[in-house]
């Protein structure tokens, strides 16, 4: 029983550590997005500033572009701070004195193609609940032992110096005792009722754990499907936002628009890419939760 409880605790630690690891991976993606947005903003500022110095552009465009660069730098610094916090949290979960980083690519176990939500997952908490029921049943079956007689034996050697007429110097004594319980003031009946109650309680707890486990599988499966669809849509939106930024940049260089359109397109592109990163992280976490709900994590 203790081993199964320890396995369940270990499973929860593994899940929490995996989530902490994914948080580091996601924060790296956020930094990539913010760095790319900063590079775009700097490229636009260099172009607007050069135009202003050459007398082609104007001070307003130059100032707007500079303000956009400062905003992107602030966002990048916040993302770097978030990465440090995520790395330290991962180090705490792993049990090391310091920050830990993640690999660039995350290799999660394959998500099962088909899941029977009617079956109870073979998870540590379910197995521990079943073991508790079996233990309670075993204790109840042994109730007859409370009414059975007991036979005990004792053996004791002795040594006396000086000896006496009634007690030799050396010797031994042996005793066999037979005890037959006749009346114990309702103790055995109370113990039997307590064991019945413990068995009923363990069965009720097992039913609750199994019901919750199947519910988690259904919820996790639906979440995976929705999260993956959201990631596909977010990725498509990010790609369209990048195309819009390229068109706005070309239009500005051609003199057809002001840099307001570029700054707005840059903000939209950055937000769309950030949404794609969030959706990707949500999809990974959903797959992780599904594997955990199925009991397929180590």
Protein backbone atom coordinates (compact mmCIF):
# COMPACT_ATOMS: atom_id res chain seq x y z
CA UNK A 1 0.00 0.00 0.00
CA UNK A 2 2.75 2.43 0.94
CA UNK A 3 4.57 1.57 -2.29
CA UNK A 4 1.49 2.41 -4.38
CA UNK A 5 1.01 5.67 -2.50
CA UNK A 6 4.67 6.50 -3.12
CA UNK A 7 4.22 5.70 -6.83
CA UNK A 8 1.26 8.07 -7.01
CA UNK A 9 3.24 10.85 -5.35
CA UNK A 10 6.08 10.19 -7.77
CA UNK A 11 3.62 10.39 -10.68
CA UNK A 12 2.35 13.77 -9.50
CA UNK A 13 5.93 15.05 -9.17
CA UNK A 14 6.71 13.87 -12.71
CA UNK A 15 3.64 15.67 -14.08
CA UNK A 16 4.49 18.90 -12.24
CA UNK A 17 8.09 18.71 -13.43
CA UNK A 18 6.94 18.14 -17.02
CA UNK A 19 4.71 21.22 -16.82
CA UNK A 20 7.64 23.25 -15.46
CA UNK A 21 9.78 22.00 -18.35
CA UNK A 22 7.14 23.00 -20.89
CA UNK A 23 6.96 26.43 -19.29
CA UNK A 24 10.68 26.91 -20.05
CA UNK A 25 10.16 25.75 -23.64
CA UNK A 26 7.24 28.14 -24.11
CA UNK A 27 9.20 31.05 -22.65
CA UNK A 28 12.00 30.42 -25.16
CA UNK A 29 9.39 30.67 -27.91
CA UNK A 30 8.13 33.97 -26.47
CA UNK A 31 11.68 35.33 -26.48
CA UNK A 32 12.09 34.32 -30.12
CA UNK A 33 8.89 36.19 -31.01
CA UNK A 34 9.92 39.30 -29.04
CA UNK A 35 13.43 39.22 -30.53
CA UNK A 36 12.00 38.99 -34.04
CA UNK A 37 9.62 41.87 -33.30
CA UNK A 38 12.54 43.93 -31.98
CA UNK A 39 14.58 43.20 -35.10
CA UNK A 40 11.69 44.32 -37.30
CA UNK A 41 11.21 47.47 -35.24
CA UNK A 42 14.92 48.29 -35.43
CA UNK A 43 14.96 47.76 -39.19
CA UNK A 44 12.00 50.09 -39.57
CA UNK A 45 13.60 52.68 -37.27
CA UNK A 46 16.87 52.59 -39.23
CA UNK A 47 14.95 53.16 -42.47
CA UNK A 48 12.77 55.97 -41.03
CA UNK A 49 15.75 57.62 -39.34
CA UNK A 50 17.82 57.48 -42.52
CA UNK A 51 14.93 59.02 -44.48
CA UNK A 52 14.60 61.79 -41.91
CA UNK A 53 18.31 62.58 -42.00
CA UNK A 54 18.20 62.66 -45.80
CA UNK A 55 15.32 65.10 -45.80
CA UNK A 56 12.89 62.63 -47.36
CA UNK A 57 11.06 61.50 -44.24
CA UNK A 58 9.82 63.45 -41.24
CA UNK A 59 10.51 63.69 -37.52
CA UNK A 60 7.15 62.19 -36.58
CA UNK A 61 7.86 58.92 -38.37
CA UNK A 62 11.33 58.85 -36.83
CA UNK A 63 9.92 59.35 -33.32
CA UNK A 64 7.21 56.74 -33.77
CA UNK A 65 9.72 54.18 -34.97
CA UNK A 66 12.01 54.93 -32.02
CA UNK A 67 9.15 54.56 -29.57
CA UNK A 68 8.26 51.22 -31.12
CA UNK A 69 11.84 50.00 -30.67
CA UNK A 70 11.78 50.98 -26.99
CA UNK A 71 8.49 49.15 -26.47
CA UNK A 72 9.85 46.01 -28.10
CA UNK A 73 12.99 46.17 -25.96
CA UNK A 74 10.85 46.37 -22.82
CA UNK A 75 8.80 43.34 -23.91
CA UNK A 76 11.99 41.38 -24.60
CA UNK A 77 13.37 42.19 -21.15
CA UNK A 78 10.14 41.02 -19.53
CA UNK A 79 10.32 37.79 -21.51
CA UNK A 80 13.93 37.24 -20.43
CA UNK A 81 12.90 37.78 -16.81
CA UNK A 82 10.10 35.26 -17.25
CA UNK A 83 12.59 32.76 -18.66
CA UNK A 84 14.80 33.11 -15.59
CA UNK A 85 11.84 32.47 -13.31
CA UNK A 86 10.75 29.43 -15.33
CA UNK A 87 14.28 27.97 -15.31
CA UNK A 88 14.59 28.45 -11.56
CA UNK A 89 11.19 26.80 -11.03
CA UNK A 90 12.32 23.83 -13.12
CA UNK A 91 15.49 23.55 -11.04
CA UNK A 92 13.43 23.49 -7.85
CA UNK A 93 11.18 20.74 -9.23
CA UNK A 94 14.16 18.61 -10.29
CA UNK A 95 15.87 19.20 -6.96
CA UNK A 96 19.05 20.99 -8.03
CA UNK A 97 20.53 24.16 -6.62
CA UNK A 98 20.27 26.38 -9.66
CA UNK A 99 18.38 27.03 -12.86
CA UNK A 100 17.82 24.40 -15.53
CA UNK A 101 17.22 24.95 -19.22
CA UNK A 102 15.29 22.88 -21.75
CA UNK A 103 16.08 21.39 -25.13
CA UNK A 104 14.93 23.21 -28.23
CA UNK A 105 12.65 20.36 -29.25
CA UNK A 106 10.18 18.56 -26.98
CA UNK A 107 9.60 14.86 -27.62
CA UNK A 108 6.41 13.82 -25.87
CA UNK A 109 5.18 10.22 -26.04
CA UNK A 110 2.81 9.65 -28.93
CA UNK A 111 -0.82 10.43 -28.20
CA UNK A 112 -2.95 7.29 -28.59
CA UNK A 113 -4.94 7.25 -31.82
CA UNK A 114 -7.98 5.76 -30.09
CA UNK A 115 -9.01 6.04 -26.47
CA UNK A 116 -11.80 4.02 -24.88
CA UNK A 117 -13.24 6.45 -22.34
CA UNK A 118 -15.32 3.65 -20.82
CA UNK A 119 -12.24 1.86 -19.50
CA UNK A 120 -10.71 2.86 -16.20
CA UNK A 121 -7.11 4.07 -16.66
CA UNK A 122 -4.44 1.99 -14.92
CA UNK A 123 -3.11 4.89 -12.91
CA UNK A 124 -1.36 4.92 -9.57
CA UNK A 125 -4.29 6.44 -7.70
CA UNK A 126 -6.70 3.87 -9.15
CA UNK A 127 -4.39 0.98 -8.33
CA UNK A 128 -3.90 2.31 -4.81
CA UNK A 129 -7.68 2.54 -4.34
CA UNK A 130 -8.14 -1.05 -5.47
CA UNK A 131 -5.41 -2.20 -3.11
CA UNK A 132 -7.16 -0.43 -0.22
CA UNK A 133 -10.39 -2.25 -1.02
CA UNK A 134 -8.63 -5.61 -1.10
CA UNK A 135 -6.91 -4.86 2.20
CA UNK A 136 -10.23 -3.90 3.83
CA UNK A 137 -11.85 -7.08 2.47
CA UNK A 138 -8.99 -9.15 3.86
CA UNK A 139 -9.34 -7.55 7.30
CA UNK A 140 -13.08 -8.20 7.29
CA UNK A 141 -12.57 -11.87 6.33
CA UNK A 142 -10.27 -12.31 9.32
CA UNK A 143 -12.97 -11.21 11.78
CA UNK A 144 -13.45 -14.86 12.79
CA UNK A 145 -10.04 -14.73 14.47
CA UNK A 146 -11.49 -12.48 17.19
CA UNK A 147 -13.71 -15.40 18.33
CA UNK A 148 -11.06 -18.15 18.03
CA UNK A 149 -9.24 -19.43 21.13
CA UNK A 150 -5.55 -18.70 21.48
CA UNK A 151 -2.81 -21.01 22.66
CA UNK A 152 0.40 -19.62 24.06
CA UNK A 153 3.59 -21.16 25.45
CA UNK A 154 6.40 -19.74 27.55
CA UNK A 155 9.81 -21.15 28.46
CA UNK A 156 12.13 -19.57 31.02
CA UNK A 157 15.48 -20.92 32.33
CA UNK A 158 16.69 -19.72 35.75
CA UNK A 159 19.79 -19.63 37.92
CA UNK A 160 19.85 -19.15 41.74
CA UNK A 161 22.93 -18.76 43.91
CA UNK A 162 22.68 -19.81 46.63
CA UNK A 163 20.02 -22.42 45.98
CA UNK A 164 17.21 -23.21 48.41
CA UNK A 165 15.37 -26.46 49.21
CA UNK A 166 12.46 -25.34 47.09
CA UNK A 167 14.46 -23.61 44.36
CA UNK A 168 17.43 -25.42 42.84
CA UNK A 169 20.46 -23.56 41.59
CA UNK A 170 19.61 -24.07 37.91
CA UNK A 171 16.51 -25.17 36.10
CA UNK A 172 13.75 -24.11 33.77
CA UNK A 173 10.02 -23.66 33.72
CA UNK A 174 7.56 -24.09 30.84
CA UNK A 175 3.92 -23.07 30.61
CA UNK A 176 1.14 -23.62 28.06
CA UNK A 177 -1.85 -21.24 28.27
CA UNK A 178 -5.14 -21.74 26.42
CA UNK A 179 -7.40 -18.64 26.27
CA UNK A 180 -11.03 -18.86 25.20
CA UNK A 181 -12.79 -15.48 24.73
CA UNK A 182 -16.24 -15.57 26.28
CA UNK A 183 -17.25 -11.99 26.96
CA UNK A 184 -15.53 -8.73 26.00
CA UNK A 185 -18.27 -6.15 26.54
CA UNK A 186 -19.20 -5.71 22.84
CA UNK A 187 -15.61 -5.06 21.71
CA UNK A 188 -15.63 -7.66 18.94
CA UNK A 189 -18.99 -6.53 17.58
CA UNK A 190 -17.76 -2.95 17.53
CA UNK A 191 -14.59 -3.94 15.71
CA UNK A 192 -16.62 -5.87 13.15
CA UNK A 193 -18.86 -2.89 12.48
CA UNK A 194 -15.81 -0.65 12.18
CA UNK A 195 -14.31 -2.99 9.59
CA UNK A 196 -17.58 -3.04 7.64
CA UNK A 197 -17.58 0.76 7.64
CA UNK A 198 -13.95 0.93 6.49
CA UNK A 199 -14.68 -1.50 3.66
CA UNK A 200 -17.70 0.53 2.52
CA UNK A 201 -15.65 3.72 2.73
CA UNK A 202 -12.79 2.28 0.67
CA UNK A 203 -15.22 1.04 -1.99
CA UNK A 204 -16.90 4.44 -2.18
CA UNK A 205 -13.51 6.13 -2.50
CA UNK A 206 -12.53 3.73 -5.28
CA UNK A 207 -15.73 4.46 -7.18
CA UNK A 208 -15.04 8.17 -6.88
CA UNK A 209 -11.43 7.81 -8.04
CA UNK A 210 -12.43 5.68 -11.04
CA UNK A 211 -15.22 8.08 -11.97
CA UNK A 212 -12.86 11.04 -11.73
CA UNK A 213 -10.19 9.23 -13.74
CA UNK A 214 -12.58 8.50 -16.62
CA UNK A 215 -13.81 12.09 -16.49
CA UNK A 216 -10.24 13.39 -16.72
CA UNK A 217 -9.62 11.20 -19.76
CA UNK A 218 -12.73 12.54 -21.52
CA UNK A 219 -11.89 16.15 -20.67
CA UNK A 220 -8.22 15.74 -21.67
CA UNK A 221 -9.14 14.11 -24.97
CA UNK A 222 -11.52 16.93 -25.86
CA UNK A 223 -8.95 19.52 -24.76
CA UNK A 224 -6.28 17.99 -26.99
CA UNK A 225 -8.55 18.13 -30.01
CA UNK A 226 -9.56 21.75 -29.35
CA UNK A 227 -6.01 22.85 -28.52
CA UNK A 228 -4.54 21.34 -31.68
CA UNK A 229 -7.25 22.98 -33.80
CA UNK A 230 -6.56 26.30 -32.06
CA UNK A 231 -2.84 25.94 -32.75
CA UNK A 232 -3.46 25.36 -36.46
CA UNK A 233 -5.69 28.44 -36.66
CA UNK A 234 -3.25 30.57 -34.65
CA UNK A 235 -0.35 29.52 -36.87
CA UNK A 236 -2.33 30.49 -39.95
CA UNK A 237 -3.19 33.86 -38.40
CA UNK A 238 0.47 34.48 -37.56
CA UNK A 239 1.52 33.73 -41.14
CA UNK A 240 -1.12 36.12 -42.52
CA UNK A 241 0.00 38.80 -40.05
CA UNK A 242 3.60 38.44 -41.27
CA UNK A 243 2.43 38.83 -44.86
CA UNK A 244 0.46 41.93 -43.88
CA UNK A 245 3.59 43.37 -42.27
CA UNK A 246 5.59 42.80 -45.44
CA UNK A 247 2.92 44.50 -47.55
CA UNK A 248 2.71 47.45 -45.15
CA UNK A 249 6.49 47.84 -45.27
CA UNK A 250 6.50 47.83 -49.06
CA UNK A 251 3.66 50.36 -49.16
CA UNK A 252 5.51 52.67 -46.75
CA UNK A 253 8.74 52.49 -48.73
CA UNK A 254 6.75 53.31 -51.85
CA UNK A 255 5.34 56.37 -50.13
CA UNK A 256 1.76 55.14 -50.24
CA UNK A 257 1.25 55.12 -46.45
CA UNK A 258 2.73 56.46 -43.22
CA UNK A 259 4.62 54.38 -40.72
CA UNK A 260 1.50 54.12 -38.56
CA UNK A 261 0.44 51.22 -40.76
CA UNK A 262 3.85 49.56 -40.27
CA UNK A 263 3.80 49.96 -36.50
CA UNK A 264 0.26 48.66 -36.36
CA UNK A 265 1.17 45.72 -38.60
CA UNK A 266 4.23 44.97 -36.46
CA UNK A 267 2.08 44.95 -33.32
CA UNK A 268 -0.48 42.68 -34.94
CA UNK A 269 2.23 40.33 -36.21
CA UNK A 270 3.82 40.16 -32.77
CA UNK A 271 0.46 39.52 -31.08
CA UNK A 272 -0.44 36.84 -33.65
CA UNK A 273 2.87 35.06 -33.17
CA UNK A 274 2.49 35.29 -29.39
CA UNK A 275 -0.97 33.76 -29.70
CA UNK A 276 0.52 30.96 -31.80
CA UNK A 277 3.15 30.32 -29.13
CA UNK A 278 0.45 30.24 -26.45
CA UNK A 279 -1.66 27.85 -28.54
CA UNK A 280 1.36 25.61 -29.17
CA UNK A 281 2.13 25.49 -25.45
CA UNK A 282 -1.52 24.75 -24.67
CA UNK A 283 -1.51 21.87 -27.18
CA UNK A 284 1.64 20.38 -25.63
CA UNK A 285 0.22 20.69 -22.13
CA UNK A 286 -3.06 19.12 -23.27
CA UNK A 287 -1.21 16.12 -24.70
CA UNK A 288 0.77 15.83 -21.48
CA UNK A 289 -2.42 15.93 -19.40
CA UNK A 290 -4.01 13.27 -21.60
CA UNK A 291 -1.03 10.96 -21.16
CA UNK A 292 -1.13 11.58 -17.42
CA UNK A 293 -4.88 10.89 -17.28
CA UNK A 294 -4.32 7.61 -19.12
CA UNK A 295 -1.54 6.64 -16.72
CA UNK A 296 1.04 6.46 -19.53
CA UNK A 297 3.62 8.72 -17.96
CA UNK A 298 6.56 7.12 -16.10
